[in-house]
N, C-alpha and C. Protein backbone atom coordinates (compact mmCIF):
# COMPACT_ATOMS: atom_id res chain seq x y z
N UNK A 1 -42.58 47.98 -22.20
CA UNK A 1 -42.53 49.06 -21.23
C UNK A 1 -42.93 48.59 -19.83
N UNK A 2 -43.90 47.65 -19.76
CA UNK A 2 -44.33 47.19 -18.45
C UNK A 2 -43.24 46.39 -17.74
N UNK A 3 -42.43 45.64 -18.48
CA UNK A 3 -41.33 44.88 -17.84
C UNK A 3 -40.27 45.82 -17.27
N UNK A 4 -40.04 46.96 -17.91
CA UNK A 4 -39.10 47.95 -17.38
C UNK A 4 -39.66 48.56 -16.09
N UNK A 5 -40.93 48.84 -16.07
CA UNK A 5 -41.57 49.41 -14.88
C UNK A 5 -41.54 48.40 -13.72
N UNK A 6 -41.82 47.14 -14.00
CA UNK A 6 -41.75 46.10 -12.97
C UNK A 6 -40.32 45.97 -12.44
N UNK A 7 -39.35 46.00 -13.32
CA UNK A 7 -37.93 45.91 -12.91
C UNK A 7 -37.55 47.08 -12.03
N UNK A 8 -37.99 48.28 -12.39
CA UNK A 8 -37.66 49.47 -11.58
C UNK A 8 -38.32 49.40 -10.21
N UNK A 9 -39.58 48.95 -10.16
CA UNK A 9 -40.26 48.79 -8.86
C UNK A 9 -39.55 47.74 -8.01
N UNK A 10 -39.17 46.64 -8.62
CA UNK A 10 -38.45 45.58 -7.88
C UNK A 10 -37.12 46.10 -7.35
N UNK A 11 -36.41 46.83 -8.18
CA UNK A 11 -35.13 47.41 -7.75
C UNK A 11 -35.34 48.36 -6.58
N UNK A 12 -36.33 49.21 -6.67
CA UNK A 12 -36.63 50.16 -5.59
C UNK A 12 -37.02 49.43 -4.31
N UNK A 13 -37.89 48.41 -4.45
CA UNK A 13 -38.33 47.64 -3.27
C UNK A 13 -37.16 46.91 -2.62
N UNK A 14 -36.32 46.26 -3.40
CA UNK A 14 -35.18 45.54 -2.85
C UNK A 14 -34.15 46.49 -2.25
N UNK A 15 -33.95 47.64 -2.88
CA UNK A 15 -33.03 48.63 -2.34
C UNK A 15 -33.52 49.12 -0.99
N UNK A 16 -34.81 49.40 -0.87
CA UNK A 16 -35.38 49.86 0.39
C UNK A 16 -35.30 48.76 1.45
N UNK A 17 -35.68 47.55 1.06
CA UNK A 17 -35.68 46.43 2.01
C UNK A 17 -34.27 46.05 2.44
N UNK A 18 -33.40 45.75 1.47
CA UNK A 18 -32.07 45.21 1.79
C UNK A 18 -30.99 46.28 1.99
N UNK A 19 -31.22 47.47 1.44
CA UNK A 19 -30.21 48.52 1.57
C UNK A 19 -30.49 49.50 2.68
N UNK A 20 -31.75 49.54 3.17
CA UNK A 20 -32.09 50.50 4.22
C UNK A 20 -32.68 49.79 5.45
N UNK A 21 -33.80 49.11 5.26
CA UNK A 21 -34.51 48.52 6.41
C UNK A 21 -33.71 47.42 7.12
N UNK A 22 -33.14 46.51 6.36
CA UNK A 22 -32.38 45.42 6.98
C UNK A 22 -31.15 45.95 7.75
N UNK A 23 -30.27 46.76 7.14
CA UNK A 23 -29.12 47.28 7.91
C UNK A 23 -29.55 48.11 9.13
N UNK A 24 -30.60 48.90 8.99
CA UNK A 24 -31.08 49.71 10.10
C UNK A 24 -31.58 48.83 11.25
N UNK A 25 -32.34 47.79 10.91
CA UNK A 25 -32.86 46.89 11.97
C UNK A 25 -31.74 46.12 12.65
N UNK A 26 -30.76 45.67 11.90
CA UNK A 26 -29.63 44.96 12.49
C UNK A 26 -28.82 45.89 13.39
N UNK A 27 -28.63 47.13 12.98
CA UNK A 27 -27.90 48.11 13.79
C UNK A 27 -28.64 48.39 15.10
N UNK A 28 -29.93 48.62 15.02
CA UNK A 28 -30.72 48.90 16.22
C UNK A 28 -30.74 47.67 17.13
N UNK A 29 -30.96 46.50 16.58
CA UNK A 29 -30.97 45.27 17.37
C UNK A 29 -29.61 45.05 18.05
N UNK A 30 -28.52 45.26 17.30
CA UNK A 30 -27.19 45.11 17.87
C UNK A 30 -26.94 46.06 19.03
N UNK A 31 -27.38 47.30 18.90
CA UNK A 31 -27.19 48.28 19.97
C UNK A 31 -28.03 47.95 21.19
N UNK A 32 -29.20 47.35 20.99
CA UNK A 32 -30.04 46.97 22.12
C UNK A 32 -29.53 45.71 22.82
N UNK A 33 -29.16 44.71 22.06
CA UNK A 33 -28.76 43.42 22.62
C UNK A 33 -27.29 43.41 23.05
N UNK A 34 -26.40 44.04 22.28
CA UNK A 34 -24.97 44.05 22.56
C UNK A 34 -24.45 45.50 22.57
N UNK A 35 -24.85 46.32 23.52
CA UNK A 35 -24.50 47.75 23.46
C UNK A 35 -23.00 48.03 23.46
N UNK A 36 -22.22 47.29 24.22
CA UNK A 36 -20.77 47.54 24.29
C UNK A 36 -20.08 46.99 23.05
N UNK A 37 -20.41 45.77 22.69
CA UNK A 37 -19.77 45.15 21.52
C UNK A 37 -20.10 45.89 20.23
N UNK A 38 -21.33 46.38 20.10
CA UNK A 38 -21.71 47.07 18.87
C UNK A 38 -20.99 48.41 18.72
N UNK A 39 -20.42 48.91 19.79
CA UNK A 39 -19.67 50.16 19.73
C UNK A 39 -18.16 49.91 19.61
N UNK A 40 -17.75 48.66 19.46
CA UNK A 40 -16.35 48.33 19.24
C UNK A 40 -15.62 47.83 20.47
N UNK A 41 -16.33 47.56 21.58
CA UNK A 41 -15.72 47.08 22.83
C UNK A 41 -14.55 47.97 23.24
N UNK A 42 -14.80 49.26 23.31
CA UNK A 42 -13.75 50.23 23.58
C UNK A 42 -13.45 50.38 25.07
N UNK A 43 -12.19 50.67 25.37
CA UNK A 43 -11.76 50.99 26.73
C UNK A 43 -11.50 52.49 26.81
N UNK A 44 -11.94 53.09 27.89
CA UNK A 44 -11.77 54.54 28.07
C UNK A 44 -10.98 54.82 29.34
N UNK A 45 -10.23 55.91 29.32
CA UNK A 45 -9.70 56.52 30.53
C UNK A 45 -10.28 57.91 30.56
N UNK A 46 -11.15 58.14 31.50
CA UNK A 46 -11.91 59.40 31.55
C UNK A 46 -12.60 59.59 30.21
N UNK A 47 -12.20 60.56 29.41
CA UNK A 47 -12.86 60.79 28.12
C UNK A 47 -12.07 60.23 26.94
N UNK A 48 -10.91 59.67 27.16
CA UNK A 48 -10.06 59.22 26.06
C UNK A 48 -10.22 57.72 25.80
N UNK A 49 -10.30 57.37 24.53
CA UNK A 49 -10.32 55.97 24.14
C UNK A 49 -8.88 55.48 24.16
N UNK A 50 -8.64 54.36 24.86
CA UNK A 50 -7.28 53.82 24.91
C UNK A 50 -7.12 52.55 24.08
N UNK A 51 -8.22 52.02 23.58
CA UNK A 51 -8.11 50.84 22.74
C UNK A 51 -9.41 50.05 22.72
N UNK A 52 -9.37 48.94 22.05
CA UNK A 52 -10.50 48.03 21.95
C UNK A 52 -10.05 46.65 22.40
N UNK A 53 -10.93 45.95 23.08
CA UNK A 53 -10.56 44.61 23.51
C UNK A 53 -10.54 43.62 22.35
N UNK A 54 -10.92 44.08 21.15
CA UNK A 54 -10.98 43.21 19.98
C UNK A 54 -9.74 43.28 19.10
N UNK A 55 -8.88 44.29 19.33
CA UNK A 55 -7.72 44.51 18.47
C UNK A 55 -6.47 44.66 19.33
N UNK A 56 -5.43 43.92 19.00
CA UNK A 56 -4.18 43.98 19.75
C UNK A 56 -3.52 45.34 19.63
N UNK A 57 -2.76 45.67 20.65
CA UNK A 57 -1.96 46.89 20.65
C UNK A 57 -0.52 46.52 20.95
N UNK A 58 0.38 47.39 20.55
CA UNK A 58 1.79 47.16 20.83
C UNK A 58 2.13 47.73 22.20
N UNK A 59 2.63 46.88 23.07
CA UNK A 59 3.14 47.29 24.36
C UNK A 59 4.62 46.95 24.38
N UNK A 60 5.45 47.90 24.74
CA UNK A 60 6.89 47.62 24.75
C UNK A 60 7.53 47.92 26.10
N UNK A 61 6.83 48.60 26.98
CA UNK A 61 7.36 48.90 28.31
C UNK A 61 7.46 47.62 29.12
N UNK A 62 8.47 47.52 29.95
CA UNK A 62 8.65 46.32 30.77
C UNK A 62 7.54 46.16 31.81
N UNK A 63 6.81 47.24 32.09
CA UNK A 63 5.73 47.19 33.06
C UNK A 63 4.40 46.73 32.49
N UNK A 64 4.39 46.32 31.26
CA UNK A 64 3.17 45.83 30.62
C UNK A 64 3.37 44.44 30.06
N UNK A 65 2.26 43.68 30.02
CA UNK A 65 2.28 42.42 29.29
C UNK A 65 2.28 42.77 27.81
N UNK A 66 3.05 42.02 27.04
CA UNK A 66 3.18 42.29 25.62
C UNK A 66 2.24 41.39 24.83
N UNK A 67 1.71 41.95 23.77
CA UNK A 67 0.84 41.20 22.86
C UNK A 67 1.67 40.27 21.99
N UNK A 68 0.98 39.42 21.25
CA UNK A 68 1.67 38.58 20.25
C UNK A 68 2.33 39.48 19.23
N UNK A 69 3.36 39.02 18.57
CA UNK A 69 3.95 39.81 17.49
C UNK A 69 2.92 40.04 16.38
N UNK A 70 3.12 41.10 15.63
CA UNK A 70 2.20 41.42 14.55
C UNK A 70 2.96 41.64 13.25
N UNK A 71 2.56 40.94 12.21
CA UNK A 71 3.21 41.09 10.91
C UNK A 71 2.86 42.44 10.27
N UNK A 72 1.80 43.10 10.79
CA UNK A 72 1.37 44.38 10.23
C UNK A 72 1.59 45.53 11.21
N UNK A 73 2.42 45.31 12.21
CA UNK A 73 2.73 46.30 13.25
C UNK A 73 1.46 46.87 13.88
N UNK A 74 0.49 45.99 14.14
CA UNK A 74 -0.74 46.32 14.84
C UNK A 74 -1.60 47.35 14.12
N UNK A 75 -1.45 47.49 12.82
CA UNK A 75 -2.24 48.44 12.03
C UNK A 75 -3.51 47.74 11.54
N UNK A 76 -4.64 48.11 12.09
CA UNK A 76 -5.89 47.41 11.77
C UNK A 76 -6.33 47.59 10.32
N UNK A 77 -5.93 48.65 9.68
CA UNK A 77 -6.33 48.87 8.29
C UNK A 77 -5.63 47.93 7.31
N UNK A 78 -4.56 47.30 7.76
CA UNK A 78 -3.84 46.38 6.86
C UNK A 78 -3.64 45.02 7.52
N UNK A 79 -4.63 44.56 8.23
CA UNK A 79 -4.53 43.30 8.95
C UNK A 79 -4.15 42.16 8.02
N UNK A 80 -3.32 41.26 8.51
CA UNK A 80 -2.95 40.09 7.73
C UNK A 80 -1.67 39.46 8.21
N UNK A 81 -1.38 38.34 7.66
CA UNK A 81 -0.17 37.60 8.01
C UNK A 81 1.00 38.10 7.16
N UNK A 82 2.19 37.61 7.48
CA UNK A 82 3.40 38.06 6.77
C UNK A 82 3.53 37.47 5.38
N UNK A 83 2.88 36.34 5.13
CA UNK A 83 2.94 35.62 3.86
C UNK A 83 4.33 35.03 3.59
N UNK A 84 5.15 34.92 4.62
CA UNK A 84 6.46 34.30 4.47
C UNK A 84 6.31 32.79 4.67
N UNK A 85 6.99 32.02 3.85
CA UNK A 85 6.87 30.57 3.95
C UNK A 85 7.78 30.04 5.06
N UNK A 86 7.57 28.80 5.42
CA UNK A 86 8.37 28.17 6.47
C UNK A 86 9.85 28.07 6.08
N UNK A 87 10.16 28.14 4.80
CA UNK A 87 11.55 28.05 4.35
C UNK A 87 12.19 29.43 4.15
N UNK A 88 11.47 30.48 4.46
CA UNK A 88 11.96 31.85 4.26
C UNK A 88 13.12 32.17 5.20
N UNK A 89 14.21 32.65 4.65
CA UNK A 89 15.35 33.03 5.49
C UNK A 89 15.01 34.28 6.31
N UNK A 90 14.18 35.14 5.76
CA UNK A 90 13.76 36.34 6.50
C UNK A 90 12.91 35.97 7.71
N UNK A 91 12.01 35.00 7.55
CA UNK A 91 11.19 34.53 8.66
C UNK A 91 12.07 33.88 9.73
N UNK A 92 13.09 33.16 9.30
CA UNK A 92 14.00 32.51 10.24
C UNK A 92 14.74 33.56 11.07
N UNK A 93 15.15 34.67 10.44
CA UNK A 93 15.82 35.75 11.17
C UNK A 93 14.89 36.38 12.19
N UNK A 94 13.64 36.61 11.79
CA UNK A 94 12.65 37.19 12.70
C UNK A 94 12.45 36.27 13.89
N UNK A 95 12.32 34.99 13.63
CA UNK A 95 12.15 33.99 14.69
C UNK A 95 13.34 34.02 15.64
N UNK A 96 14.55 34.03 15.11
CA UNK A 96 15.75 34.03 15.95
C UNK A 96 15.84 35.30 16.79
N UNK A 97 15.45 36.45 16.24
CA UNK A 97 15.45 37.70 17.01
C UNK A 97 14.49 37.62 18.18
N UNK A 98 13.31 37.07 17.94
CA UNK A 98 12.31 36.96 19.01
C UNK A 98 12.75 35.98 20.08
N UNK A 99 13.36 34.87 19.69
CA UNK A 99 13.86 33.92 20.68
C UNK A 99 14.97 34.57 21.50
N UNK A 100 15.83 35.35 20.83
CA UNK A 100 16.91 36.05 21.54
C UNK A 100 16.33 37.07 22.52
N UNK A 101 15.26 37.74 22.15
CA UNK A 101 14.62 38.73 23.02
C UNK A 101 14.05 38.08 24.27
N UNK A 102 13.37 36.95 24.12
CA UNK A 102 12.68 36.32 25.23
C UNK A 102 13.48 35.22 25.93
N UNK A 103 14.31 34.52 25.21
CA UNK A 103 14.99 33.36 25.76
C UNK A 103 14.51 32.09 25.08
N UNK A 104 15.17 31.01 25.35
CA UNK A 104 14.91 29.76 24.62
C UNK A 104 13.58 29.11 24.96
N UNK A 105 13.09 29.28 26.17
CA UNK A 105 11.88 28.57 26.59
C UNK A 105 10.61 29.41 26.43
N UNK A 106 10.57 30.23 25.41
CA UNK A 106 9.44 31.12 25.19
C UNK A 106 8.24 30.38 24.59
N UNK A 107 7.02 30.69 25.06
CA UNK A 107 5.83 30.08 24.46
C UNK A 107 5.68 30.48 22.98
N UNK A 108 5.12 29.60 22.19
CA UNK A 108 5.00 29.84 20.75
C UNK A 108 4.26 31.11 20.38
N UNK A 109 3.22 31.45 21.12
CA UNK A 109 2.45 32.62 20.71
C UNK A 109 3.15 33.94 21.02
N UNK A 110 4.31 33.90 21.65
CA UNK A 110 5.11 35.11 21.83
C UNK A 110 6.14 35.24 20.70
N UNK A 111 6.25 34.21 19.88
CA UNK A 111 7.20 34.24 18.76
C UNK A 111 6.49 34.39 17.43
N UNK A 112 5.36 33.71 17.28
CA UNK A 112 4.66 33.69 16.00
C UNK A 112 3.46 34.61 16.02
N UNK A 113 3.31 35.41 14.98
CA UNK A 113 2.16 36.30 14.84
C UNK A 113 0.91 35.50 14.51
N UNK A 114 -0.24 36.05 14.86
CA UNK A 114 -1.50 35.40 14.49
C UNK A 114 -1.79 35.65 13.02
N UNK A 115 -2.78 34.99 12.48
CA UNK A 115 -3.12 35.14 11.07
C UNK A 115 -3.50 36.56 10.68
N UNK A 116 -4.18 37.26 11.59
CA UNK A 116 -4.59 38.63 11.30
C UNK A 116 -3.52 39.64 11.70
N UNK A 117 -2.62 39.24 12.61
CA UNK A 117 -1.64 40.18 13.15
C UNK A 117 -2.25 41.09 14.20
N UNK A 118 -3.51 40.84 14.57
CA UNK A 118 -4.22 41.71 15.51
C UNK A 118 -4.88 40.95 16.65
N UNK A 119 -4.46 39.74 16.92
CA UNK A 119 -5.06 38.92 17.97
C UNK A 119 -4.84 39.58 19.33
N UNK A 120 -5.90 39.95 20.06
CA UNK A 120 -5.73 40.66 21.32
C UNK A 120 -5.42 39.77 22.51
N UNK A 121 -5.38 38.47 22.29
CA UNK A 121 -5.17 37.53 23.39
C UNK A 121 -3.80 36.88 23.33
N UNK A 122 -3.34 36.47 24.50
CA UNK A 122 -2.18 35.59 24.60
C UNK A 122 -2.58 34.41 25.48
N UNK A 123 -1.85 33.33 25.36
CA UNK A 123 -2.15 32.15 26.17
C UNK A 123 -1.83 32.45 27.63
N UNK A 124 -2.42 31.67 28.53
CA UNK A 124 -2.11 31.83 29.95
C UNK A 124 -0.63 31.56 30.19
N UNK A 125 -0.09 30.62 29.44
CA UNK A 125 1.34 30.30 29.53
C UNK A 125 2.19 31.52 29.18
N UNK A 126 1.82 32.25 28.14
CA UNK A 126 2.57 33.45 27.74
C UNK A 126 2.45 34.55 28.78
N UNK A 127 1.26 34.71 29.34
CA UNK A 127 1.07 35.74 30.37
C UNK A 127 1.91 35.41 31.61
N UNK A 128 1.90 34.17 32.02
CA UNK A 128 2.69 33.78 33.20
C UNK A 128 4.19 33.84 32.91
N UNK A 129 4.55 33.59 31.65
CA UNK A 129 5.95 33.71 31.23
C UNK A 129 6.45 35.15 31.42
N UNK A 130 5.59 36.12 31.18
CA UNK A 130 5.96 37.53 31.28
C UNK A 130 5.79 38.11 32.68
N UNK A 131 5.16 37.37 33.58
CA UNK A 131 4.80 37.90 34.90
C UNK A 131 6.01 38.39 35.70
N UNK A 132 7.12 37.72 35.64
CA UNK A 132 8.27 38.15 36.45
C UNK A 132 8.80 39.50 35.98
N UNK A 133 8.84 39.74 34.67
CA UNK A 133 9.29 41.02 34.15
C UNK A 133 8.35 42.15 34.58
N UNK A 134 7.04 41.91 34.44
CA UNK A 134 6.04 42.92 34.80
C UNK A 134 6.05 43.16 36.31
N UNK A 135 6.16 42.09 37.09
CA UNK A 135 6.17 42.22 38.55
C UNK A 135 7.35 43.07 39.01
N UNK A 136 8.51 42.83 38.43
CA UNK A 136 9.69 43.61 38.80
C UNK A 136 9.53 45.08 38.42
N UNK A 137 9.02 45.35 37.24
CA UNK A 137 8.85 46.73 36.78
C UNK A 137 7.76 47.46 37.56
N UNK A 138 6.75 46.76 38.01
CA UNK A 138 5.60 47.37 38.70
C UNK A 138 5.70 47.26 40.21
N UNK A 139 6.75 46.64 40.71
CA UNK A 139 6.90 46.43 42.15
C UNK A 139 5.71 45.65 42.71
N UNK A 140 5.37 44.58 42.01
CA UNK A 140 4.28 43.69 42.42
C UNK A 140 4.85 42.30 42.62
N UNK A 141 4.06 41.43 43.21
CA UNK A 141 4.51 40.05 43.35
C UNK A 141 4.00 39.24 42.16
N UNK A 142 4.71 38.17 41.86
CA UNK A 142 4.27 37.28 40.79
C UNK A 142 2.94 36.65 41.16
N UNK A 143 2.72 36.40 42.43
CA UNK A 143 1.45 35.83 42.91
C UNK A 143 0.29 36.78 42.59
N UNK A 144 0.47 38.08 42.81
CA UNK A 144 -0.58 39.05 42.49
C UNK A 144 -0.93 38.98 41.00
N UNK A 145 0.10 38.94 40.17
CA UNK A 145 -0.12 38.90 38.72
C UNK A 145 -0.74 37.57 38.29
N UNK A 146 -0.27 36.47 38.87
CA UNK A 146 -0.86 35.17 38.53
C UNK A 146 -2.35 35.14 38.88
N UNK A 147 -2.71 35.75 40.03
CA UNK A 147 -4.13 35.80 40.41
C UNK A 147 -4.93 36.64 39.41
N UNK A 148 -4.37 37.76 38.96
CA UNK A 148 -5.04 38.57 37.95
C UNK A 148 -5.22 37.80 36.64
N UNK A 149 -4.16 37.13 36.23
CA UNK A 149 -4.21 36.34 34.99
C UNK A 149 -5.30 35.27 35.09
N UNK A 150 -5.31 34.55 36.19
CA UNK A 150 -6.32 33.49 36.36
C UNK A 150 -7.73 34.08 36.43
N UNK A 151 -7.86 35.25 37.06
CA UNK A 151 -9.16 35.89 37.16
C UNK A 151 -9.71 36.39 35.84
N UNK A 152 -8.82 36.75 34.93
CA UNK A 152 -9.23 37.25 33.61
C UNK A 152 -9.22 36.17 32.53
N UNK A 153 -8.83 34.97 32.90
CA UNK A 153 -8.72 33.88 31.92
C UNK A 153 -10.05 33.62 31.23
N UNK A 154 -10.00 33.52 29.92
CA UNK A 154 -11.18 33.17 29.12
C UNK A 154 -11.01 31.73 28.67
N UNK A 155 -12.10 30.98 28.74
CA UNK A 155 -12.05 29.56 28.40
C UNK A 155 -11.91 29.38 26.89
N UNK A 156 -11.71 28.14 26.49
CA UNK A 156 -11.63 27.81 25.07
C UNK A 156 -12.91 28.26 24.36
N UNK A 157 -12.78 28.68 23.12
CA UNK A 157 -13.93 29.09 22.33
C UNK A 157 -14.89 27.92 22.18
N UNK A 158 -16.15 28.11 22.51
CA UNK A 158 -17.19 27.08 22.48
C UNK A 158 -16.84 25.90 23.38
N UNK A 159 -15.91 26.09 24.30
CA UNK A 159 -15.55 25.05 25.25
C UNK A 159 -14.57 24.02 24.76
N UNK A 160 -14.23 24.03 23.46
CA UNK A 160 -13.32 22.99 22.96
C UNK A 160 -12.33 23.49 21.91
N UNK A 161 -12.49 24.70 21.39
CA UNK A 161 -11.60 25.17 20.33
C UNK A 161 -10.56 26.14 20.90
N UNK A 162 -9.32 25.98 20.47
CA UNK A 162 -8.25 26.87 20.91
C UNK A 162 -7.75 26.49 22.30
N UNK A 163 -7.26 27.50 23.00
CA UNK A 163 -6.74 27.27 24.34
C UNK A 163 -7.19 28.40 25.25
N UNK A 164 -7.16 28.18 26.57
CA UNK A 164 -7.50 29.28 27.48
C UNK A 164 -6.56 30.45 27.22
N UNK A 165 -7.10 31.66 27.36
CA UNK A 165 -6.34 32.84 26.98
C UNK A 165 -6.71 34.02 27.87
N UNK A 166 -5.95 35.09 27.72
CA UNK A 166 -6.22 36.32 28.47
C UNK A 166 -6.07 37.49 27.50
N UNK A 167 -6.95 38.48 27.65
CA UNK A 167 -6.90 39.67 26.81
C UNK A 167 -5.83 40.60 27.37
N UNK A 168 -4.85 40.95 26.56
CA UNK A 168 -3.69 41.73 27.00
C UNK A 168 -4.09 43.14 27.45
N UNK A 169 -4.94 43.79 26.69
CA UNK A 169 -5.34 45.16 27.05
C UNK A 169 -6.12 45.17 28.36
N UNK A 170 -7.04 44.23 28.55
CA UNK A 170 -7.78 44.15 29.82
C UNK A 170 -6.82 43.96 30.98
N UNK A 171 -5.88 43.05 30.82
CA UNK A 171 -4.92 42.76 31.87
C UNK A 171 -4.08 44.00 32.20
N UNK A 172 -3.57 44.67 31.18
CA UNK A 172 -2.76 45.87 31.41
C UNK A 172 -3.57 47.00 32.03
N UNK A 173 -4.83 47.15 31.63
CA UNK A 173 -5.68 48.20 32.20
C UNK A 173 -5.92 47.96 33.68
N UNK A 174 -6.16 46.72 34.06
CA UNK A 174 -6.38 46.40 35.48
C UNK A 174 -5.13 46.69 36.29
N UNK A 175 -3.98 46.34 35.74
CA UNK A 175 -2.72 46.62 36.44
C UNK A 175 -2.52 48.13 36.58
N UNK A 176 -2.81 48.90 35.53
CA UNK A 176 -2.72 50.35 35.61
C UNK A 176 -3.62 50.91 36.71
N UNK A 177 -4.82 50.37 36.82
CA UNK A 177 -5.77 50.87 37.82
C UNK A 177 -5.41 50.46 39.24
N UNK A 178 -4.61 49.41 39.40
CA UNK A 178 -4.18 48.97 40.73
C UNK A 178 -3.09 49.88 41.30
N UNK A 179 -2.33 50.52 40.47
CA UNK A 179 -1.19 51.35 40.95
C UNK A 179 -1.46 52.80 40.78
């Protein structure tokens, strides 16, 4: 009987410690140290949430920079890759459609989806590739857009991993606020 009582006390103590106190302390610490990130890094227009800088959105208007393609159509609840192999005829058709949409000299990250299908960034090369389309639609100069792209450029992760990139939603929000 005493071993059952000890087990029940241990279960109660661990449940309180690891199921209540630890998550509560991490939540409070996160809100104090990272107030914006802990709330999902959301963007607002007045009272409306327009998106998160952590999750890609689909932009199709010519006046916006477009995100990377998404195998899950930007649905965060089903994030993931397409699972199509390099020899897939269906993947080859998708690739050819995207090349036809953009042209032959398109940067790779405008053709291939990221592993999650929700990557909110594009390379600086991809942003500059789209600048002429956006400039024409927004009645802006390519120089104005290039300056915005360079101003929002994020360096490689930890200084050496990946490539310099720009967050598509941040870039589009700034352009919206300029006009």
